[in-house]
Protein backbone atom coordinates (compact mmCIF):
# COMPACT_ATOMS: atom_id res chain seq x y z
CA MET A 1 -41.57 41.83 42.74
CA VAL A 2 -42.87 39.93 45.85
CA ILE A 3 -45.69 37.64 44.30
CA ARG A 4 -48.80 37.73 46.56
CA ILE A 5 -50.39 34.14 46.97
CA ALA A 6 -53.14 32.58 48.54
CA ALA A 7 -54.16 28.88 48.56
CA ILE A 8 -57.53 27.34 48.14
CA GLY A 9 -58.72 23.91 49.46
CA VAL A 10 -55.82 23.58 51.93
CA SER A 11 -57.16 20.57 53.86
CA HIS A 12 -55.98 18.51 51.24
CA TRP A 13 -52.99 16.69 52.23
CA HIS A 14 -50.80 18.46 49.42
CA ALA A 15 -50.92 21.73 52.04
CA ILE A 16 -48.31 20.29 54.38
CA ASN A 17 -47.41 16.81 53.60
CA ASP A 18 -45.73 15.10 50.36
CA ALA A 19 -45.56 18.06 48.12
CA ALA A 20 -45.71 20.88 51.03
CA TYR A 21 -47.11 23.49 49.00
CA LEU A 22 -47.78 26.10 52.14
CA HIS A 23 -44.20 24.92 53.40
CA GLN A 24 -42.55 25.65 49.81
CA LEU A 25 -44.42 28.73 49.68
CA ALA A 26 -43.55 30.14 53.04
CA ARG A 27 -39.71 29.29 52.35
CA MET A 28 -39.33 31.27 49.29
CA PRO A 29 -38.00 34.83 49.66
CA ASP A 30 -40.33 36.22 46.77
CA VAL A 31 -43.49 35.16 47.62
CA LEU A 32 -45.64 36.09 50.41
CA LEU A 33 -48.93 34.11 51.52
CA VAL A 34 -51.95 36.06 52.13
CA GLY A 35 -54.83 33.74 52.32
CA LEU A 36 -55.75 30.22 53.02
CA HIS A 37 -59.31 28.99 52.30
CA ASP A 38 -61.01 25.83 53.37
CA GLU A 39 -64.66 25.17 54.28
CA HIS A 40 -63.30 22.99 57.27
CA PRO A 41 -61.98 26.33 59.39
CA GLU A 42 -60.28 24.43 62.21
CA VAL A 43 -58.00 22.38 59.38
CA ALA A 44 -57.28 25.95 57.94
CA ALA A 45 -56.40 27.22 61.10
CA GLN A 46 -53.90 24.58 61.85
CA ARG A 47 -52.11 24.97 58.65
CA SER A 48 -52.01 28.75 59.13
CA THR A 49 -50.40 27.70 62.20
CA ALA A 50 -47.91 25.59 60.60
CA VAL A 51 -46.57 28.30 58.29
CA GLY A 52 -46.27 31.30 60.95
CA GLY A 53 -50.06 32.45 60.70
CA VAL A 54 -51.78 33.58 57.27
CA PRO A 55 -55.39 34.82 57.31
CA CYS A 56 -58.09 32.12 57.02
CA PHE A 57 -61.28 31.97 54.72
CA SER A 58 -64.20 29.50 54.62
CA ASP A 59 -65.29 31.05 51.11
CA TYR A 60 -62.49 31.30 48.06
CA GLU A 61 -64.30 33.75 46.43
CA ASP A 62 -64.00 35.80 49.64
CA MET A 63 -60.48 35.63 50.46
CA LEU A 64 -60.14 36.40 46.29
CA ARG A 65 -62.04 39.63 46.91
CA ILE A 66 -60.33 40.84 50.13
CA THR A 67 -57.02 39.71 49.39
CA LYS A 68 -56.75 40.36 45.37
CA PRO A 69 -53.83 37.54 45.06
CA ASP A 70 -51.15 37.78 42.60
CA PHE A 71 -51.73 33.71 41.94
CA VAL A 72 -53.44 31.08 43.61
CA VAL A 73 -52.46 27.55 44.56
CA ALA A 74 -55.90 25.43 44.04
CA LEU A 75 -56.32 22.16 46.17
CA GLY A 76 -59.37 20.79 47.86
CA ARG A 77 -61.38 18.04 46.67
CA HIS A 78 -61.94 16.31 43.18
CA ASP A 79 -65.31 16.81 42.73
CA THR A 80 -64.84 20.85 43.76
CA MET A 81 -61.86 20.97 41.14
CA ALA A 82 -63.36 21.90 38.21
CA ARG A 83 -65.65 24.97 39.66
CA VAL A 84 -62.59 26.29 40.84
CA ALA A 85 -60.62 26.59 38.14
CA HIS A 86 -63.69 27.88 36.13
CA HIS A 87 -63.93 31.03 38.76
CA LEU A 88 -60.42 31.62 38.71
CA ILE A 89 -59.83 31.90 34.95
CA ASP A 90 -63.14 34.03 34.48
CA ARG A 91 -61.85 35.86 37.21
CA GLY A 92 -58.25 36.39 35.16
CA VAL A 93 -56.19 34.49 38.44
CA PRO A 94 -53.41 32.74 37.39
CA PHE A 95 -53.21 29.40 38.90
CA LEU A 96 -51.58 25.79 39.72
CA MET A 97 -53.95 23.57 40.32
CA GLU A 98 -53.34 19.66 41.93
CA LYS A 99 -53.94 17.27 39.45
CA PRO A 100 -56.64 15.52 38.20
CA MET A 101 -58.72 18.58 38.49
CA GLY A 102 -61.86 16.83 38.12
CA ARG A 103 -63.33 13.45 38.90
CA HIS A 104 -63.23 12.33 34.76
CA ALA A 105 -61.62 13.66 31.97
CA ASP A 106 -64.93 15.61 30.46
CA GLU A 107 -64.16 17.68 33.32
CA VAL A 108 -60.71 18.58 33.03
CA ARG A 109 -61.56 18.86 28.82
CA ALA A 110 -63.61 21.51 29.88
CA ILE A 111 -61.36 23.41 31.80
CA ALA A 112 -58.38 23.13 29.41
CA GLU A 113 -60.56 24.15 26.35
CA LYS A 114 -61.39 27.92 28.21
CA ALA A 115 -58.05 28.05 28.93
CA ALA A 116 -57.17 28.00 25.55
CA GLU A 117 -59.81 30.06 24.53
CA THR A 118 -58.82 32.63 26.95
CA GLY A 119 -54.94 32.32 27.35
CA ALA A 120 -55.38 31.42 30.77
CA PHE A 121 -52.32 30.64 33.11
CA ALA A 122 -53.88 27.38 34.45
CA ALA A 123 -50.83 24.80 35.67
CA VAL A 124 -50.00 21.45 36.91
CA PRO A 125 -47.43 19.93 39.09
CA MET A 126 -45.93 17.03 37.59
CA PRO A 127 -43.28 16.43 39.80
CA PHE A 128 -42.00 13.34 38.18
CA ARG A 129 -40.85 16.06 35.04
CA TYR A 130 -38.85 17.77 37.94
CA SER A 131 -37.02 14.21 38.54
CA PRO A 132 -33.12 12.94 38.24
CA PHE A 133 -34.37 10.12 35.96
CA MET A 134 -36.42 12.92 33.90
CA ALA A 135 -33.50 14.96 33.15
CA ARG A 136 -31.07 11.98 32.26
CA ALA A 137 -34.05 10.64 30.17
CA ARG A 138 -34.42 13.84 28.45
CA LYS A 139 -30.42 14.29 27.50
CA MET A 140 -30.39 10.93 26.55
CA LEU A 141 -33.39 11.17 24.22
CA ALA A 142 -31.28 14.43 22.61
CA ALA A 143 -28.61 12.48 22.23
CA SER A 144 -30.36 9.26 20.51
CA VAL A 145 -28.93 6.95 23.12
CA PHE A 146 -31.64 4.83 23.06
CA GLY A 147 -32.08 4.66 19.59
CA PRO A 148 -35.90 3.16 18.85
CA LEU A 149 -37.58 3.19 21.94
CA SER A 150 -39.14 -0.34 23.20
CA HIS A 151 -40.84 0.52 26.34
CA VAL A 152 -41.42 2.78 29.63
CA TYR A 153 -42.54 1.27 32.80
CA VAL A 154 -43.77 3.67 36.24
CA ARG A 155 -44.41 1.70 39.49
CA THR A 156 -45.36 4.00 42.70
CA ASN A 157 -47.08 1.85 45.02
CA ARG A 158 -47.19 4.08 48.25
CA PHE A 159 -48.03 3.18 52.49
CA SER A 160 -51.59 2.62 53.16
CA SER A 161 -54.70 4.60 52.15
CA ALA A 162 -55.42 5.35 55.60
CA ARG A 163 -53.18 8.14 55.11
CA TYR A 164 -56.16 10.12 53.89
CA VAL A 165 -57.92 10.08 56.32
CA ALA A 166 -55.16 10.83 58.84
CA TRP A 167 -54.31 13.38 56.64
CA ASP A 168 -57.77 15.15 57.07
CA CYS A 169 -58.89 14.09 53.18
CA PRO A 170 -60.98 10.80 54.06
CA TRP A 171 -62.78 11.90 51.10
CA MET A 172 -60.59 10.30 48.86
CA LEU A 173 -62.03 7.29 50.27
CA ASP A 174 -65.54 8.04 48.43
CA PRO A 175 -65.39 7.53 44.76
CA ALA A 176 -68.72 10.03 44.11
CA LEU A 177 -66.07 12.76 45.64
CA SER A 178 -62.80 11.48 44.77
CA GLY A 179 -63.64 9.92 41.19
CA GLY A 180 -61.84 6.59 41.87
CA GLY A 181 -58.55 5.40 44.26
CA CYS A 182 -54.67 4.99 44.07
CA LEU A 183 -55.34 4.92 39.82
CA ARG A 184 -57.51 8.63 40.05
CA ASN A 185 -54.56 10.27 42.16
CA LEU A 186 -51.24 8.51 41.35
CA GLY A 187 -51.91 7.34 37.61
CA ALA A 188 -51.72 10.96 36.28
CA HIS A 189 -47.76 10.81 37.20
CA GLY A 190 -47.03 8.11 35.70
CA LEU A 191 -49.16 8.48 32.07
CA ASP A 192 -47.87 12.14 32.04
CA LEU A 193 -44.49 10.58 32.20
CA PHE A 194 -45.08 8.00 29.00
CA LEU A 195 -46.50 10.37 27.28
CA HIS A 196 -43.88 13.37 27.64
CA LEU A 197 -41.20 10.87 27.60
CA VAL A 198 -42.61 9.56 24.03
CA GLY A 199 -43.85 12.25 22.51
CA GLU A 200 -47.35 10.95 20.66
CA ASP A 201 -50.74 10.04 22.29
CA ALA A 202 -51.18 6.65 23.39
CA ALA A 203 -54.28 4.49 23.99
CA VAL A 204 -55.01 1.76 26.88
CA THR A 205 -54.65 -2.04 25.92
CA GLY A 206 -55.03 -3.60 29.09
CA ALA A 207 -56.26 -2.55 32.93
CA GLN A 208 -57.11 -4.29 36.46
CA ILE A 209 -57.63 -2.91 39.42
CA SER A 210 -58.13 -4.42 42.87
CA ALA A 211 -59.65 -3.16 46.44
CA ARG A 212 -57.90 -6.65 47.90
CA ALA A 213 -55.71 -5.06 50.28
CA HIS A 214 -57.77 -2.37 52.06
CA ARG A 215 -61.32 -3.48 51.09
CA GLN A 216 -62.36 -0.04 50.44
CA GLN A 217 -64.61 1.36 47.93
CA VAL A 218 -61.84 2.71 45.91
CA GLU A 219 -59.15 0.13 44.43
CA ASP A 220 -55.67 -0.11 46.36
CA TYR A 221 -54.20 -0.85 43.56
CA ALA A 222 -54.11 -0.98 39.80
CA SER A 223 -51.96 -2.19 36.63
CA VAL A 224 -52.77 -0.11 33.27
CA LEU A 225 -50.77 -1.21 29.78
CA VAL A 226 -50.85 1.39 27.03
CA ARG A 227 -49.57 1.63 23.47
CA SER A 228 -48.27 5.56 21.64
CA ALA A 229 -49.12 5.63 18.16
CA SER A 230 -45.92 4.72 16.92
CA GLY A 231 -46.04 1.52 19.42
CA VAL A 232 -43.93 2.67 22.15
CA LEU A 233 -45.40 0.01 25.23
CA GLY A 234 -46.05 1.48 28.39
CA THR A 235 -46.52 -0.30 31.63
CA LEU A 236 -47.88 1.23 34.73
CA GLU A 237 -48.71 -0.15 38.41
CA VAL A 238 -49.92 2.25 41.22
CA GLY A 239 -51.12 1.72 44.57
CA ASN A 240 -51.66 2.27 48.01
CA ALA A 241 -50.34 -1.11 48.88
CA TYR A 242 -46.98 -0.32 50.98
CA PRO A 243 -46.30 -2.14 53.95
CA ARG A 244 -44.38 0.17 55.94
CA VAL A 245 -45.98 3.54 57.34
CA THR A 246 -43.05 6.36 57.04
CA ARG A 247 -42.69 9.49 58.75
CA ASP A 248 -43.32 12.80 56.14
CA PRO A 249 -40.22 13.89 54.49
CA LYS A 250 -38.48 17.15 55.57
CA VAL A 251 -39.63 19.60 53.64
CA ASP A 252 -36.05 21.42 53.45
CA GLY A 253 -34.95 18.22 51.60
CA PRO A 254 -35.86 14.75 52.50
CA THR A 255 -32.75 12.46 53.48
CA ARG A 256 -32.28 9.42 51.59
CA ASP A 257 -34.03 6.73 54.16
CA GLU A 258 -36.87 9.60 54.22
CA LEU A 259 -37.33 8.97 50.24
CA LEU A 260 -36.85 5.36 50.01
CA ASP A 261 -39.18 4.57 53.39
CA GLY A 262 -42.29 5.43 52.08
CA ALA A 263 -42.80 3.62 48.85
CA ASP A 264 -42.07 1.12 46.80
CA GLY A 265 -41.11 2.32 43.20
CA GLU A 266 -39.28 2.49 39.95
CA ILE A 267 -39.18 3.98 36.59
CA LYS A 268 -37.30 2.53 33.34
CA ILE A 269 -36.99 3.38 29.80
CA CYS A 270 -35.91 1.11 27.42
CA GLY A 271 -34.44 1.27 23.79
CA ARG A 272 -32.67 -0.89 21.38
CA ASP A 273 -29.03 0.67 22.65
CA ALA A 274 -29.96 1.76 25.83
CA MET A 275 -31.77 1.28 29.15
CA LEU A 276 -32.23 4.03 32.04
CA MET A 277 -34.01 2.78 35.26
CA ALA A 278 -34.12 4.54 38.76
CA LYS A 279 -34.88 3.01 41.39
CA ASP A 280 -33.97 2.51 44.94
CA GLY A 281 -31.89 5.98 45.33
CA ASN A 282 -29.96 5.43 42.06
CA LEU A 283 -30.12 5.86 38.62
CA ARG A 284 -28.33 2.49 36.56
CA ILE A 285 -27.80 3.28 33.13
CA VAL A 286 -26.99 0.17 30.77
CA THR A 287 -25.59 0.18 27.13
CA ALA A 288 -23.42 -2.49 25.16
CA ALA A 289 -20.57 -0.73 26.34
CA GLY A 290 -21.22 -1.18 29.58
CA GLU A 291 -23.22 -0.41 32.62
CA GLU A 292 -23.30 2.98 35.15
CA ASN A 293 -24.77 3.95 38.21
CA THR A 294 -25.17 6.98 39.73
CA PRO A 295 -27.26 8.78 42.39
CA GLY A 296 -30.71 9.53 41.92
CA LEU A 297 -32.48 11.38 44.42
CA PRO A 298 -33.21 14.75 44.76
CA LEU A 299 -31.59 17.56 46.69
CA ARG A 300 -34.49 18.58 48.08
CA ASN A 301 -38.50 18.22 47.53
CA PRO A 302 -39.02 18.31 43.95
CA ALA A 303 -42.36 20.70 44.69
CA TYR A 304 -40.04 23.39 45.52
CA ASP A 305 -38.35 23.47 41.83
CA LEU A 306 -41.78 22.70 40.40
CA ILE A 307 -43.47 25.93 41.93
CA ALA A 308 -40.32 27.89 41.22
CA ASP A 309 -40.79 26.96 37.60
CA VAL A 310 -44.26 27.60 37.35
CA LEU A 311 -43.82 31.35 39.09
CA ALA A 312 -40.84 31.94 36.15
CA HIS A 313 -42.98 31.22 33.24
CA TRP A 314 -46.07 33.29 34.33
CA ARG A 315 -43.37 36.46 35.49
CA ARG A 316 -42.21 35.75 31.81
CA GLY A 317 -45.61 35.52 30.16
CA GLN A 318 -44.61 32.28 28.91
CA PRO A 319 -47.35 29.53 29.21
CA PRO A 320 -46.90 27.03 31.99
CA PRO A 321 -44.45 24.32 31.85
CA VAL A 322 -47.44 21.53 32.22
CA SER A 323 -50.63 22.54 31.03
CA VAL A 324 -54.33 21.43 31.59
CA ASP A 325 -54.36 19.94 28.21
CA ASP A 326 -51.37 17.75 29.61
CA CYS A 327 -53.07 16.96 32.48
CA TYR A 328 -55.98 15.83 30.37
CA ARG A 329 -54.29 14.10 27.97
CA ALA A 330 -53.16 11.88 30.96
CA VAL A 331 -56.61 11.73 32.82
CA ARG A 332 -58.50 10.34 29.49
CA LEU A 333 -56.03 7.45 29.62
CA ILE A 334 -57.00 7.08 33.12
CA ASP A 335 -60.92 6.81 31.97
CA GLU A 336 -60.57 4.04 29.69
CA ALA A 337 -58.61 2.27 32.32
CA TYR A 338 -61.49 2.65 33.88
CA ARG A 339 -63.62 1.49 31.67
CA MET A 340 -62.13 -1.21 30.48
CA THR A 341 -62.09 -2.19 34.27
CA ALA A 342 -65.71 -1.75 34.87
CA ALA A 343 -67.35 -5.46 33.65
CA THR A 344 -64.74 -7.01 36.33
CA GLY A 345 -65.20 -4.43 39.05
CA LEU A 346 -63.08 -3.93 42.39
């Protein structure tokens, strides 16, 4: 079965950069791209050329009516995501939508409630779940290697927010359209990872944001402290303050240098009996018995495996691997952090 897929809002940077969804879809033997939408026709045409020529539309409702896709990949601006999601659910179109699915948690909660009521297939990409770190962490948790968990630490510091302008997404620097800066955009990854690993809800206990690096209207660095229901602590750091500008990773499998060149990152889960850490392309495991170091880079862009997994779940009639409710739980914590920093501001 060939899956006919249309994409909405392809001026979003993830269309051809970072996750590069259009490139991943074009590489899949069982996928046919049937339409690309964007409110900026010239950008849609550029994206179409990049993937071999796909019909372009400036109105996504027209695209859906004309192309009748089996599945939709929805991108676009944060301020339009909720409206698009409701339209897709109302039409019964299964879809994968980029996080955060809205400018705040209320928008995402409304989507989650409608998806639950209707049984809609509404998936959200969380690529950290497809990382070598997560695969190893799941095995160690299942084997009770960590003992009682103590804390989880996630740092994702990307290069300058000027990349949004260069990648046709200047709206990311307008809080009225984006809902925030690096915390709104990157925070969901680390918070979802924390919630997924710990397996219980959490609350924000501390937060701070700053725009000192780039002096934009949105923050370029943020740190958030969370605590799970049973007392596991989480520390999240996200930023757009990495000083080096990197070339884009290759779609068919980034090299080690390309992955390490564009970010300062670290992920760690620690318990009484063991620690697992991903940093600088390596996985480090420390226990009382000794230490193990292994390669920790993905063999290819995790977005390929993510999309393949989402489509496999849909084909089998299973719920999405990451749901809108999962996204809402992370976005709710982001909103808590913003409220906590409201008094001090940027």
